[in-house]
Protein backbone atom coordinates (compact mmCIF):
# COMPACT_ATOMS: atom_id res chain seq x y z
CA MET A 1 47.80 64.09 -148.81
CA VAL A 2 48.38 63.03 -145.20
CA LEU A 3 44.81 63.98 -144.30
CA ARG A 4 43.48 62.03 -147.30
CA ARG A 5 45.51 58.96 -146.25
CA LEU A 6 44.25 59.24 -142.68
CA ARG A 7 40.67 59.38 -143.94
CA PHE A 8 41.35 56.33 -146.13
CA VAL A 9 42.79 54.39 -143.18
CA PHE A 10 39.86 55.43 -140.99
CA CYS A 11 37.39 54.22 -143.62
CA LEU A 12 39.18 50.88 -143.88
CA VAL A 13 39.13 50.43 -140.09
CA PHE A 14 35.44 51.40 -139.90
CA LEU A 15 34.53 49.08 -142.77
CA SER A 16 36.51 46.21 -141.26
CA ALA A 17 34.86 46.69 -137.85
CA HIS A 18 31.44 46.84 -139.50
CA ILE A 19 32.04 43.66 -141.48
CA ASN A 20 33.42 41.84 -138.45
CA ALA A 21 30.37 42.88 -136.44
CA GLN A 22 28.03 41.14 -138.84
CA PRO A 23 27.04 37.58 -137.90
CA HIS A 24 28.44 34.83 -140.07
CA PHE A 25 26.17 31.97 -141.03
CA SER A 26 27.11 28.54 -142.32
CA LYS A 27 25.41 26.05 -144.60
CA ASP A 28 24.34 24.19 -141.45
CA ASP A 29 22.55 27.35 -140.25
CA THR A 30 20.62 27.57 -143.52
CA LEU A 31 19.78 23.86 -143.58
CA ARG A 32 18.42 24.12 -140.05
CA GLY A 33 16.80 27.54 -140.24
CA SER A 34 15.15 27.66 -143.66
CA ILE A 35 12.26 25.86 -145.33
CA THR A 36 14.42 23.95 -147.80
CA GLU A 37 13.27 22.29 -151.01
CA GLU A 38 13.54 18.97 -149.17
CA ARG A 39 11.15 20.20 -146.47
CA LYS A 40 8.47 22.28 -148.11
CA TRP A 41 6.88 19.55 -150.26
CA TRP A 42 5.61 17.47 -147.31
CA ASP A 43 3.27 18.34 -144.47
CA LEU A 44 4.11 16.70 -141.14
CA LYS A 45 1.15 14.87 -139.59
CA TYR A 46 2.28 12.47 -136.88
CA TYR A 47 5.29 11.15 -134.97
CA HIS A 48 5.63 7.91 -133.08
CA LEU A 49 8.87 8.30 -131.17
CA LYS A 50 10.26 5.15 -129.54
CA VAL A 51 13.37 5.67 -127.43
CA SER A 52 15.23 3.51 -124.93
CA VAL A 53 17.35 5.32 -122.35
CA ASP A 54 20.43 3.75 -120.74
CA PRO A 55 21.52 5.93 -117.79
CA ASP A 56 24.69 3.94 -117.05
CA ALA A 57 26.09 4.27 -120.57
CA LYS A 58 24.48 7.67 -121.16
CA GLN A 59 23.18 6.30 -124.44
CA ILE A 60 19.85 6.24 -126.22
CA SER A 61 18.50 4.24 -129.15
CA GLY A 62 15.21 3.90 -130.93
CA SER A 63 13.21 4.96 -133.92
CA VAL A 64 10.62 7.47 -135.04
CA VAL A 65 7.76 6.94 -137.46
CA ILE A 66 7.22 10.14 -139.44
CA GLN A 67 3.87 10.35 -141.17
CA TYR A 68 3.28 13.10 -143.70
CA LYS A 69 1.03 14.31 -146.49
CA VAL A 70 2.54 14.91 -149.92
CA LEU A 71 1.91 18.50 -151.04
CA THR A 72 3.88 18.36 -154.31
CA SER A 73 5.73 15.47 -155.87
CA ASN A 74 9.35 15.11 -154.77
CA GLN A 75 11.64 12.20 -153.92
CA LYS A 76 14.16 13.89 -151.62
CA LEU A 77 13.27 14.48 -147.97
CA GLN A 78 15.29 16.18 -145.23
CA ILE A 79 15.60 14.70 -141.75
CA ASP A 80 17.65 16.36 -139.00
CA LEU A 81 19.76 14.64 -136.35
CA GLN A 82 22.71 16.15 -134.51
CA PRO A 83 25.95 14.31 -133.75
CA PRO A 84 27.20 12.35 -131.99
CA LEU A 85 23.90 10.56 -132.62
CA LYS A 86 23.71 8.77 -135.95
CA ILE A 87 21.03 7.36 -138.21
CA ASP A 88 21.33 3.58 -138.55
CA LYS A 89 18.70 2.99 -141.24
CA ILE A 90 15.58 4.43 -142.80
CA LEU A 91 12.63 2.35 -143.95
CA ALA A 92 9.59 3.14 -146.10
CA ALA A 93 6.95 0.48 -146.67
CA GLY A 94 9.38 -1.98 -145.10
CA LYS A 95 12.13 -1.24 -147.62
CA SER A 96 15.49 0.34 -146.87
CA GLN A 97 15.86 3.87 -148.24
CA PRO A 98 19.17 5.42 -149.36
CA PHE A 99 20.27 8.55 -147.51
CA HIS A 100 23.33 10.74 -147.17
CA GLN A 101 24.48 13.39 -144.75
CA VAL A 102 24.63 17.04 -145.80
CA GLY A 103 26.60 19.33 -143.55
CA THR A 104 26.68 18.38 -139.88
CA ASN A 105 23.05 17.86 -138.89
CA ALA A 106 20.96 17.19 -142.01
CA TYR A 107 20.29 13.96 -143.86
CA ILE A 108 18.71 13.74 -147.30
CA VAL A 109 16.61 10.63 -147.92
CA THR A 110 16.05 9.57 -151.54
CA LEU A 111 12.67 7.86 -151.47
CA THR A 112 12.34 4.90 -153.80
CA GLN A 113 8.55 4.97 -154.01
CA LEU A 114 6.85 7.68 -156.08
CA GLN A 115 5.48 10.42 -153.83
CA LYS A 116 2.10 11.35 -155.26
CA LYS A 117 0.35 14.59 -154.36
CA HIS A 118 -2.28 14.23 -151.60
CA ASN A 119 -0.97 10.80 -150.53
CA LEU A 120 -0.40 10.04 -146.87
CA GLU A 121 3.06 8.48 -146.55
CA SER A 122 5.47 7.51 -143.77
CA ILE A 123 9.06 6.58 -143.08
CA GLU A 124 10.69 5.09 -140.00
CA VAL A 125 14.10 6.37 -138.96
CA TYR A 126 16.28 4.22 -136.68
CA TYR A 127 19.02 5.90 -134.68
CA SER A 128 21.38 5.43 -131.74
CA GLY A 129 24.32 6.86 -129.86
CA GLN A 130 25.31 9.14 -127.05
CA PRO A 131 23.37 12.42 -127.33
CA LYS A 132 24.91 15.81 -126.67
CA GLU A 133 25.08 16.31 -122.93
CA ALA A 134 23.49 19.50 -121.61
CA LYS A 135 26.15 21.84 -120.22
CA ASN A 136 23.90 24.54 -118.76
CA PRO A 137 20.28 23.52 -119.23
CA PRO A 138 17.92 24.82 -120.39
CA TRP A 139 20.04 27.54 -122.07
CA ASP A 140 22.71 25.17 -123.34
CA GLY A 141 20.59 22.07 -123.51
CA GLY A 142 20.52 18.48 -124.65
CA PHE A 143 20.33 15.36 -122.45
CA GLN A 144 20.98 15.99 -118.76
CA TRP A 145 22.29 12.99 -116.81
CA ALA A 146 22.00 13.97 -113.15
CA SER A 147 21.30 12.10 -109.90
CA THR A 148 19.06 12.76 -106.93
CA SER A 149 20.50 13.15 -103.42
CA ALA A 150 19.74 9.45 -102.96
CA GLY A 151 21.80 8.53 -106.03
CA VAL A 152 18.83 7.75 -108.27
CA PRO A 153 19.23 8.74 -111.95
CA PHE A 154 17.56 12.10 -112.62
CA ILE A 155 17.38 12.64 -116.37
CA ALA A 156 15.78 15.37 -118.47
CA THR A 157 15.86 16.92 -121.93
CA SER A 158 15.74 20.59 -122.94
CA CYS A 159 16.45 21.88 -126.41
CA GLN A 160 14.84 25.20 -127.38
CA GLY A 161 16.93 26.88 -130.07
CA LEU A 162 19.36 23.98 -130.10
CA GLY A 163 16.61 21.86 -131.63
CA ALA A 164 14.88 18.57 -130.91
CA SER A 165 17.24 16.90 -133.38
CA VAL A 166 19.82 17.00 -130.59
CA TRP A 167 18.14 13.84 -129.24
CA TRP A 168 15.80 12.42 -131.89
CA PRO A 169 15.42 12.51 -135.70
CA CYS A 170 12.76 14.93 -136.87
CA LYS A 171 11.74 17.71 -139.21
CA ASP A 172 13.52 20.26 -137.08
CA HIS A 173 11.90 23.51 -138.16
CA MET A 174 9.19 25.32 -136.22
CA TYR A 175 6.91 26.12 -139.16
CA ASP A 176 5.52 22.56 -139.40
CA GLU A 177 4.06 20.84 -136.34
CA PRO A 178 2.65 17.31 -136.14
CA ASP A 179 -1.07 17.06 -135.42
CA SER A 180 -0.37 14.44 -132.75
CA VAL A 181 2.51 12.49 -131.20
CA LEU A 182 2.86 9.09 -129.56
CA MET A 183 5.92 8.57 -127.35
CA THR A 184 7.12 5.22 -126.06
CA VAL A 185 9.96 5.70 -123.59
CA THR A 186 11.79 2.67 -122.16
CA VAL A 187 13.76 3.02 -118.92
CA PRO A 188 15.29 0.71 -116.28
CA GLU A 189 12.86 -0.83 -113.80
CA GLY A 190 12.38 1.36 -110.76
CA LEU A 191 12.38 4.54 -112.83
CA THR A 192 9.43 6.47 -114.29
CA ASP A 193 9.30 8.54 -117.46
CA VAL A 194 7.02 11.57 -117.63
CA SER A 195 6.49 13.11 -121.06
CA ASN A 196 3.83 15.17 -122.82
CA GLY A 197 0.11 14.54 -123.03
CA ARG A 198 -1.73 11.63 -121.44
CA LEU A 199 -0.23 8.42 -120.09
CA ARG A 200 -1.92 5.67 -122.08
CA ARG A 201 -0.20 2.70 -120.50
CA LYS A 202 2.96 1.42 -118.83
CA TYR A 203 4.30 -2.11 -118.99
CA ASN A 204 7.26 -4.28 -118.03
CA ASN A 205 9.36 -5.71 -120.84
CA GLY A 206 10.73 -8.70 -118.94
CA ASP A 207 14.33 -7.66 -119.48
CA GLY A 208 14.86 -5.29 -116.55
CA THR A 209 13.16 -2.38 -118.29
CA ARG A 210 9.70 -0.93 -118.49
CA SER A 211 8.02 1.37 -120.99
CA PHE A 212 5.74 4.38 -120.70
CA GLU A 213 3.42 5.35 -123.54
CA TRP A 214 2.35 9.01 -123.75
CA PHE A 215 0.00 10.46 -126.34
CA VAL A 216 -0.30 14.12 -127.34
CA SER A 217 -3.56 14.79 -129.16
CA ASN A 218 -2.79 18.41 -130.10
CA PRO A 219 -0.25 20.02 -132.42
CA ILE A 220 3.09 20.40 -130.64
CA ASN A 221 6.38 22.07 -131.52
CA ASN A 222 9.47 19.87 -131.59
CA TYR A 223 11.31 21.51 -128.70
CA GLY A 224 8.20 21.14 -126.55
CA ILE A 225 8.53 17.34 -126.60
CA ASN A 226 10.48 16.02 -123.62
CA VAL A 227 11.45 13.08 -121.44
CA ASN A 228 11.90 13.32 -117.67
CA ILE A 229 13.12 10.23 -115.83
CA THR A 230 13.60 9.42 -112.14
CA ASN A 231 11.71 7.69 -109.28
CA TYR A 232 8.80 10.15 -109.43
CA VAL A 233 5.83 10.21 -107.10
CA HIS A 234 2.55 11.58 -108.36
CA PHE A 235 -0.39 13.55 -107.02
CA ALA A 236 -3.29 15.16 -108.85
CA ASP A 237 -6.01 17.78 -108.77
CA THR A 238 -8.59 19.27 -111.13
CA LEU A 239 -9.65 22.77 -112.16
CA ASN A 240 -13.13 23.80 -113.22
CA GLY A 241 -12.05 26.20 -115.93
CA GLU A 242 -13.39 27.94 -119.02
CA GLY A 243 -12.94 24.77 -121.07
CA GLY A 244 -14.53 22.40 -118.55
CA THR A 245 -12.70 20.13 -116.12
CA LEU A 246 -8.93 20.29 -116.51
CA ASP A 247 -6.80 17.50 -115.08
CA LEU A 248 -3.76 18.69 -113.13
CA ASP A 249 -0.94 16.19 -112.55
CA TYR A 250 2.22 16.72 -110.56
CA TYR A 251 5.37 14.56 -110.63
CA VAL A 252 8.07 15.26 -108.04
CA LEU A 253 10.90 13.60 -106.15
CA PRO A 254 9.66 11.55 -103.15
CA GLU A 255 11.51 13.76 -100.67
CA ASN A 256 9.80 16.90 -102.02
CA ILE A 257 6.17 15.82 -102.09
CA GLU A 258 5.02 17.87 -99.11
CA LYS A 259 6.76 21.01 -100.35
CA ALA A 260 5.29 20.42 -103.80
CA LYS A 261 1.75 20.04 -102.47
CA ALA A 262 2.09 23.47 -100.87
CA GLN A 263 3.98 25.29 -103.67
CA PHE A 264 2.05 23.84 -106.60
CA THR A 265 -1.22 25.33 -105.35
CA GLN A 266 -0.01 28.32 -107.37
CA ALA A 267 -0.77 26.39 -110.55
CA LYS A 268 -4.52 26.81 -110.04
CA LEU A 269 -4.04 30.50 -109.24
CA MET A 270 -2.04 30.86 -112.45
CA LEU A 271 -4.62 29.05 -114.57
CA LYS A 272 -7.46 31.16 -113.19
CA ALA A 273 -5.60 34.41 -113.91
CA PHE A 274 -4.38 33.43 -117.36
CA GLU A 275 -7.73 32.09 -118.49
CA TYR A 276 -9.11 35.53 -117.61
CA TRP A 277 -6.47 37.34 -119.65
CA PHE A 278 -5.75 34.91 -122.48
CA GLY A 279 -8.76 32.62 -122.77
CA PRO A 280 -9.16 28.90 -122.05
CA TYR A 281 -6.10 26.79 -121.35
CA PRO A 282 -5.15 25.54 -124.83
CA PHE A 283 -4.67 21.83 -124.08
CA TYR A 284 -7.63 20.50 -122.08
CA ASP A 285 -7.41 17.22 -124.05
CA ASP A 286 -3.83 16.65 -122.90
CA GLY A 287 -4.13 18.02 -119.37
CA PHE A 288 -1.64 20.16 -117.44
CA LYS A 289 1.44 18.81 -115.67
CA LEU A 290 4.23 20.23 -113.53
CA VAL A 291 7.25 17.93 -113.53
CA GLU A 292 10.27 18.35 -111.26
CA THR A 293 13.60 18.41 -113.10
CA PRO A 294 17.29 18.85 -112.19
CA TYR A 295 17.40 22.18 -114.09
CA LEU A 296 15.47 25.42 -113.55
CA GLY A 297 12.48 24.82 -115.82
CA MET A 298 11.07 24.99 -119.34
CA GLU A 299 7.75 25.36 -121.17
CA HIS A 300 7.38 21.82 -122.50
CA GLN A 301 3.80 21.55 -123.72
CA SER A 302 1.41 19.99 -121.15
CA SER A 303 4.57 18.86 -119.33
CA VAL A 304 5.93 22.08 -117.83
CA THR A 305 9.21 21.39 -116.08
CA TYR A 306 10.10 22.83 -112.70
CA GLY A 307 13.34 23.20 -110.74
CA ASN A 308 12.98 26.44 -108.79
CA GLY A 309 13.56 24.90 -105.35
CA TYR A 310 9.96 25.31 -104.10
CA GLN A 311 10.41 29.00 -103.40
CA ASN A 312 8.93 32.22 -104.66
CA GLY A 313 10.78 34.52 -107.01
CA TYR A 314 13.40 33.46 -109.50
CA ARG A 315 15.59 31.14 -107.43
CA GLY A 316 14.43 33.19 -104.46
CA ARG A 317 15.17 36.58 -106.07
CA ASP A 318 12.80 39.30 -107.22
CA LEU A 319 13.83 40.13 -110.79
CA SER A 320 12.00 43.45 -110.61
CA GLY A 321 13.39 44.72 -107.32
CA SER A 322 9.88 45.92 -106.52
CA GLY A 323 9.00 43.30 -103.92
CA TRP A 324 6.15 41.94 -106.02
CA GLY A 325 8.36 39.32 -107.64
CA LEU A 326 8.46 37.45 -104.34
CA LYS A 327 4.69 37.03 -104.30
CA PHE A 328 4.80 34.14 -106.79
CA ASP A 329 6.97 31.27 -107.97
CA PHE A 330 8.54 32.62 -111.16
CA ILE A 331 8.92 29.24 -112.88
CA ILE A 332 5.35 28.11 -112.25
CA ILE A 333 3.93 31.39 -113.56
CA HIS A 334 6.33 32.18 -116.41
CA GLU A 335 6.82 28.71 -117.87
CA SER A 336 3.11 27.94 -117.64
CA GLY A 337 2.31 31.22 -119.39
CA HIS A 338 4.09 29.73 -122.37
CA GLU A 339 1.26 27.25 -122.80
CA TRP A 340 -0.57 30.14 -124.48
CA PHE A 341 2.38 32.00 -126.03
CA ALA A 342 4.87 29.40 -127.35
CA ASN A 343 2.93 26.16 -127.30
CA SER A 344 -0.44 27.22 -128.68
CA ILE A 345 0.79 30.31 -130.57
CA THR A 346 4.21 29.32 -131.89
CA TYR A 347 6.76 31.29 -133.90
CA LYS A 348 7.58 29.93 -137.36
CA ASP A 349 11.13 31.26 -137.16
CA ILE A 350 13.15 31.70 -133.97
CA ALA A 351 13.98 35.23 -135.15
CA ASP A 352 10.43 36.02 -133.95
CA MET A 353 11.00 34.52 -130.51
CA TRP A 354 9.60 37.71 -128.95
CA ILE A 355 6.14 36.26 -129.64
CA HIS A 356 6.92 33.68 -126.96
CA GLU A 357 8.97 35.66 -124.50
CA SER A 358 7.56 39.20 -124.58
CA PHE A 359 3.97 38.12 -123.99
CA THR A 360 5.03 35.63 -121.34
CA ASN A 361 7.22 38.20 -119.62
CA TYR A 362 4.21 40.51 -119.46
CA SER A 363 2.08 37.62 -118.21
CA GLU A 364 4.01 37.87 -114.94
CA SER A 365 2.69 41.42 -114.52
CA LEU A 366 -0.80 40.34 -115.52
CA PHE A 367 -0.72 37.62 -112.87
CA ILE A 368 0.23 40.25 -110.27
CA GLU A 369 -2.49 42.58 -111.53
CA TYR A 370 -5.15 39.87 -111.26
CA TYR A 371 -4.39 39.29 -107.58
CA TYR A 372 -2.76 42.51 -106.32
CA GLY A 373 -3.92 45.30 -108.60
CA LYS A 374 -2.70 47.43 -111.48
CA GLU A 375 -0.28 49.61 -109.53
CA ALA A 376 1.53 46.56 -108.20
CA ALA A 377 1.74 45.15 -111.71
CA THR A 378 3.14 48.43 -113.00
CA ASP A 379 5.74 48.50 -110.21
CA TYR A 380 6.83 45.04 -111.31
CA VAL A 381 7.11 45.61 -115.06
CA VAL A 382 8.87 48.95 -114.62
CA GLY A 383 11.27 47.30 -112.18
CA THR A 384 12.33 44.76 -114.80
CA ARG A 385 13.74 47.56 -116.99
CA GLN A 386 17.01 47.22 -115.11
CA HIS A 387 17.72 44.12 -117.23
CA ILE A 388 17.30 45.83 -120.62
CA LYS A 389 20.54 46.20 -122.60
CA ASN A 390 19.35 47.68 -125.91
CA ASP A 391 22.31 45.90 -127.50
CA ILE A 392 20.84 44.40 -130.68
CA PRO A 393 17.30 44.31 -132.10
CA ILE A 394 14.79 41.97 -130.51
CA ILE A 395 14.03 40.36 -133.87
CA GLY A 396 16.89 38.22 -135.16
CA VAL A 397 17.96 37.14 -138.65
CA TYR A 398 15.45 34.99 -140.52
CA ASN A 399 16.08 31.57 -142.10
CA VAL A 400 19.30 30.77 -140.21
CA ASN A 401 17.91 29.73 -136.80
CA GLN A 402 19.11 32.89 -135.07
CA LYS A 403 17.20 34.56 -132.26
CA GLY A 404 17.50 38.25 -131.46
CA SER A 405 18.38 40.09 -128.28
CA GLY A 406 17.59 38.80 -124.81
CA ASP A 407 15.73 42.10 -124.49
CA MET A 408 12.77 40.14 -125.86
CA TYR A 409 12.00 39.45 -122.17
CA SER A 410 12.08 42.67 -120.15
CA LYS A 411 12.03 45.13 -123.05
CA GLY A 412 9.35 43.06 -124.76
CA GLY A 413 7.23 43.09 -121.61
CA ASN A 414 7.65 46.85 -121.30
CA MET A 415 6.79 47.23 -124.98
CA LEU A 416 3.45 45.53 -124.31
CA HIS A 417 2.97 47.64 -121.18
CA THR A 418 3.56 50.68 -123.40
CA LEU A 419 1.20 49.40 -126.10
CA ARG A 420 -1.52 48.92 -123.51
CA HIS A 421 -1.27 52.53 -122.34
CA THR A 422 -1.24 53.97 -125.84
CA ILE A 423 -4.49 52.11 -126.47
CA ASP A 424 -5.82 53.34 -123.10
CA ASP A 425 -8.63 50.81 -123.03
CA ASP A 426 -8.02 47.82 -120.75
CA GLN A 427 -10.98 45.88 -122.08
CA ARG A 428 -9.75 46.30 -125.65
CA PHE A 429 -6.26 45.24 -124.57
CA ARG A 430 -7.70 42.12 -122.94
CA GLN A 431 -9.71 41.55 -126.12
CA ILE A 432 -6.43 41.62 -128.07
CA LEU A 433 -4.84 39.02 -125.78
CA ARG A 434 -7.82 36.69 -125.90
CA GLY A 435 -8.34 37.34 -129.59
CA LEU A 436 -4.75 36.39 -130.39
CA ASN A 437 -5.26 33.08 -128.63
CA LYS A 438 -8.50 32.43 -130.47
CA THR A 439 -7.35 33.55 -133.93
CA PHE A 440 -3.96 31.81 -133.79
CA PHE A 441 -5.00 28.84 -131.65
CA HIS A 442 -2.58 25.94 -132.21
CA LYS A 443 -0.93 27.75 -135.12
CA THR A 444 2.58 28.76 -136.13
CA VAL A 445 2.84 32.47 -136.87
CA THR A 446 5.10 35.29 -137.97
CA SER A 447 5.74 38.59 -136.24
CA ALA A 448 4.03 40.34 -139.14
CA GLU A 449 0.80 38.41 -138.51
CA ILE A 450 0.81 39.29 -134.80
CA GLU A 451 1.60 42.96 -135.49
CA LYS A 452 -1.14 43.22 -138.11
CA TYR A 453 -3.73 41.63 -135.81
CA ILE A 454 -2.91 43.99 -132.93
CA SER A 455 -3.17 47.04 -135.20
CA LYS A 456 -6.55 45.85 -136.46
CA ILE A 457 -8.12 45.30 -133.05
CA ALA A 458 -6.46 48.36 -131.50
CA ARG A 459 -7.77 50.48 -134.40
CA HIS A 460 -4.39 52.13 -134.94
CA ASN A 461 -1.53 51.27 -137.28
CA TYR A 462 1.27 50.15 -134.96
CA GLN A 463 3.74 49.31 -137.73
CA PHE A 464 6.22 52.00 -136.71
CA PHE A 465 5.70 51.20 -133.03
CA PHE A 466 6.83 47.62 -133.61
CA ASP A 467 9.63 48.77 -135.91
CA GLN A 468 10.89 50.94 -133.06
CA TYR A 469 10.77 48.41 -130.25
CA LEU A 470 11.46 45.18 -132.15
CA ARG A 471 13.81 46.27 -134.93
CA ASP A 472 15.69 49.24 -133.42
CA VAL A 473 17.74 49.60 -130.24
CA ARG A 474 17.04 53.25 -129.43
CA ILE A 475 14.65 54.30 -126.70
CA PRO A 476 12.27 56.88 -128.22
CA THR A 477 12.53 60.26 -126.55
CA PHE A 478 9.61 62.64 -125.94
CA GLU A 479 11.09 66.11 -126.35
CA TYR A 480 9.07 69.06 -125.12
CA ALA A 481 9.40 72.80 -124.61
CA LEU A 482 7.06 75.03 -122.60
CA ASP A 483 6.65 78.67 -123.58
CA ASP A 484 7.60 81.32 -121.05
CA ASP A 485 4.17 81.61 -119.45
CA SER A 486 3.35 77.86 -119.81
CA GLN A 487 0.36 78.61 -122.01
CA SER A 488 1.49 76.19 -124.71
CA ILE A 489 3.79 73.23 -125.20
CA LYS A 490 5.83 72.15 -128.19
CA TYR A 491 6.69 68.49 -128.51
CA ARG A 492 8.02 65.76 -130.82
CA TRP A 493 9.60 62.30 -130.91
CA SER A 494 13.36 61.93 -131.35
CA ASP A 495 15.71 58.93 -131.30
CA CYS A 496 13.15 57.00 -133.27
CA VAL A 497 12.46 55.36 -136.62
CA LYS A 498 11.02 57.32 -139.50
CA GLY A 499 7.24 57.44 -139.19
CA PHE A 500 7.15 56.79 -135.43
CA ASP A 501 3.88 58.27 -134.20
CA MET A 502 3.02 56.60 -130.89
CA PRO A 503 0.30 58.48 -128.97
CA LEU A 504 0.98 59.55 -125.38
CA ILE A 505 -1.76 59.87 -122.81
CA VAL A 506 -1.11 61.56 -119.46
CA LYS A 507 -3.39 60.98 -116.49
CA ARG A 508 -3.73 62.41 -113.01
CA GLY A 509 -5.78 60.52 -110.48
CA GLY A 510 -6.96 58.20 -113.23
CA GLN A 511 -8.31 61.05 -115.37
CA VAL A 512 -6.88 62.01 -118.74
CA VAL A 513 -5.33 65.49 -118.71
CA PHE A 514 -3.27 65.44 -121.92
CA LYS A 515 -3.46 63.55 -125.19
CA PHE A 516 -0.35 63.99 -127.29
CA LYS A 517 0.03 62.66 -130.82
CA PRO A 518 3.71 63.32 -131.41
CA THR A 519 5.58 62.67 -134.64
CA ARG A 520 9.20 63.42 -135.50
CA GLU A 521 8.16 66.97 -136.40
CA TRP A 522 7.59 69.69 -133.82
CA GLN A 523 3.95 70.33 -132.93
CA GLU A 524 2.40 72.87 -130.61
CA MET A 525 -0.62 72.57 -128.34
CA LYS A 526 -2.38 75.25 -126.28
CA LEU A 527 -2.61 74.23 -122.65
CA LYS A 528 -5.91 74.36 -120.79
CA GLN A 529 -4.05 73.43 -117.63
CA SER A 530 -0.40 73.52 -116.70
CA PHE A 531 2.01 70.76 -117.67
CA ASP A 532 3.80 69.56 -114.54
CA SER A 533 7.37 68.89 -115.62
CA ALA A 534 7.94 66.64 -112.62
CA ALA A 535 4.73 64.68 -112.05
CA ASP A 536 3.55 64.46 -115.67
CA VAL A 537 6.98 63.42 -116.93
CA ALA A 538 7.19 60.80 -114.17
CA TYR A 539 3.83 59.43 -115.30
CA ILE A 540 4.97 59.24 -118.93
CA GLU A 541 8.16 57.41 -118.05
CA ARG A 542 6.27 54.99 -115.80
CA MET A 543 3.51 54.08 -118.23
CA PHE A 544 5.55 54.16 -121.44
CA TYR A 545 9.00 52.76 -122.11
CA VAL A 546 10.38 56.08 -123.36
CA LYS A 547 12.75 58.81 -122.31
CA THR A 548 11.76 62.44 -121.86
CA ARG A 549 13.81 65.56 -122.47
CA SER A 550 13.02 69.19 -121.79
CA VAL A 551 14.57 71.42 -124.44
CA ASN A 552 13.74 74.69 -122.69
CA ASN A 553 16.77 76.93 -122.42
């Protein structure tokens, strides 16, 4: 009886711990993270965002025209805006529209005019207030109200994950991007705003303010839209790239212009390398900009923000410990890599954020490889394994705006390093990278679509490979046993998902010596040459993110 009671108590404790370990999601999470009935019936086409920024009061006000195509008839439309900002009024065809707040961040508009299928419609949302102030940008973002060393306002926005609705009203879900955006940003005289796309015009308003009008001619995700405000100075360059002549524009603080002219030469090196690996820069029409900000940096589309102190590494540190991380400015290379993976190819749900971060993490190694060789690149990516936690799966929970583990960076990069060596064909691997950027150019995607495409081009079903690295936290282990006279080897995968069948290729001096096709079941292979338990195992663990284990007694 005592034993039975102890088992019962143990089960209750285990069940309670398990339940408490599960994430809890609110109605706000669902409203933000899912394609609600009030979202799915309309296709976003265009924004015209007009915002006035008051640095002294730390307030903003303005409006946004939201143009959309009606897919199916519906009268209720969801707009997102986070407090303490508030919606003042909503107009359609010049008439006020009733709306009410649902939860904390969502507003439901009841449109008074019949919404007919195929029609192109628009509303204008007026708003104002004091936006959430960024506490630790870009990770805990919002509006950042900083000052330069000279006391000039230095203002920037960052909002990945948190959502663009933290500073302007929008359809705040990643699945639906506008085809184009016009931004009119009004600031005090003496200050300059730099946003996305091309500067169409700037003009004085006669009231102590001036406005800057920026136009983005390509699809853009909400969090990629930004404002950056201070007394910027500008210099420019061009690149003769795969897509023609690309305009390069740089906006920095006056006191940093000479440092910027030296450090930002890396932008052309980056573009040359990444066009080789990924294909043409995706936004020739909008140009490429690096913009100095008071925070570390972010991948805002065609307006990449920079705050790395004009030094190589990540704030002067080599994240890999290999030495190679000090050969380049981490923010210029990493954040610009997102122009391909994040801004052109964009996740539909933040649960699939690995699509942005894993490929861009590996882009750092590809940059090194382009200029310093494959061994240097391998040193770098293997060195980043020190940051892997294997705490929770890389893929998060869908439809509630929840990302997965931070392992999407270093583990994701090592996953792609592993994938490359299972394919064992560098040209095919490059074909995959360029093919992804051609097939999913300016599109929002799911993990399933990316996984399926890679399997198709690689000519191998990598379903269980991705299940292992994206949806499981275990490191697969290659177990092996040599017979007494080393004439044969038995081997299998353990610590892995059911069906895991990743091939292993072992090379010496660049030549293939073993091709293993392990499964979870023991297999045996006759050896034509000896298996070196030291050198061959070291090769496996360097080229593949796996563990090895000898089970010889």
